[in-house]
Amino acid sequence: MTRIAIDLSDEDLRQWDNLAAIRLLSRAGLIRQALSGYLADNCTGSNNNAFGLWAKSNTDGIFFESQIRQEWK
């Protein structure tokens, strides 16, 4: 396991300590859980996550692209 150093505000640290005490975890254990949860919720995994993204959309892809590009002008 690799160690990292992070900077937290005093208020954030106080809240982390309170939550760790409630859950009967160490500070490090709570941070590991939080990071694991964040990664699980936000991990892109592979390109398959985007496969079929427009399948249920009634919008024509070319029309949508044209509308978006109009914002650039």
Protein backbone atom coordinates (compact mmCIF):
# COMPACT_ATOMS: atom_id res chain seq x y z
CA MET A 1 0.00 0.00 0.00
CA THR A 2 1.33 3.44 -0.93
CA ARG A 3 1.19 6.40 1.40
CA ILE A 4 0.13 9.81 0.17
CA ALA A 5 -0.02 13.19 1.88
CA ILE A 6 -3.02 15.46 1.48
CA ASP A 7 -3.86 18.87 2.87
CA LEU A 8 -7.26 19.34 4.52
CA SER A 9 -8.79 22.36 6.13
CA ASP A 10 -9.22 22.23 9.90
CA GLU A 11 -13.00 22.04 9.45
CA ASP A 12 -12.76 19.14 6.98
CA LEU A 13 -10.41 17.30 9.31
CA ARG A 14 -12.79 17.83 12.24
CA GLN A 15 -15.65 16.41 10.19
CA TRP A 16 -13.55 13.44 9.05
CA ASP A 17 -12.61 12.69 12.66
CA ASN A 18 -16.26 12.88 13.77
CA LEU A 19 -17.38 10.56 10.99
CA ALA A 20 -14.52 8.15 11.63
CA ALA A 21 -15.50 7.97 15.31
CA ILE A 22 -19.15 7.33 14.44
CA ARG A 23 -18.22 4.53 12.04
CA LEU A 24 -15.50 3.16 14.32
CA LEU A 25 -12.85 3.58 11.64
CA SER A 26 -9.45 5.15 11.55
CA ARG A 27 -8.99 8.37 9.61
CA ALA A 28 -7.07 6.47 6.94
CA GLY A 29 -9.71 3.74 6.73
CA LEU A 30 -12.46 6.28 6.23
CA ILE A 31 -10.49 8.07 3.51
CA ARG A 32 -9.80 4.73 1.76
CA GLN A 33 -13.54 3.95 1.79
CA ALA A 34 -14.38 7.40 0.46
CA LEU A 35 -11.86 7.15 -2.36
CA SER A 36 -12.98 3.64 -3.30
CA GLY A 37 -16.59 4.82 -3.45
CA TYR A 38 -15.63 7.83 -5.53
CA LEU A 39 -13.69 5.69 -7.99
CA ALA A 40 -16.53 3.17 -8.26
CA ASP A 41 -19.00 5.97 -9.04
CA ASN A 42 -16.75 7.83 -11.47
CA CYS A 43 -14.56 5.23 -13.14
CA THR A 44 -14.95 5.29 -16.88
CA GLY A 45 -13.82 1.69 -17.16
CA SER A 46 -13.62 1.20 -20.88
CA ASN A 47 -14.96 2.72 -24.05
CA ASN A 48 -17.93 0.37 -23.80
CA ASN A 49 -19.56 2.81 -21.39
CA ALA A 50 -20.34 5.07 -24.34
CA PHE A 51 -21.45 2.31 -26.71
CA GLY A 52 -25.10 2.81 -27.63
CA LEU A 53 -25.31 6.14 -25.83
CA TRP A 54 -27.66 7.55 -28.46
CA ALA A 55 -29.63 4.33 -29.03
CA LYS A 56 -32.75 5.48 -27.16
CA SER A 57 -32.55 9.08 -28.31
CA ASN A 58 -34.95 10.42 -30.91
CA THR A 59 -32.43 13.10 -31.85
CA ASP A 60 -30.50 12.84 -35.08
CA GLY A 61 -26.78 12.87 -34.28
CA ILE A 62 -25.86 15.17 -37.17
CA PHE A 63 -28.59 17.66 -36.22
CA PHE A 64 -27.44 17.63 -32.59
CA GLU A 65 -23.84 18.19 -33.66
CA SER A 66 -24.87 21.15 -35.82
CA GLN A 67 -26.74 22.72 -32.91
CA ILE A 68 -23.76 22.36 -30.61
CA ARG A 69 -21.42 23.86 -33.18
CA GLN A 70 -23.70 26.88 -33.55
CA GLU A 71 -22.82 27.75 -29.96
CA TRP A 72 -19.19 28.17 -31.00
CA LYS A 73 -19.94 30.99 -33.42
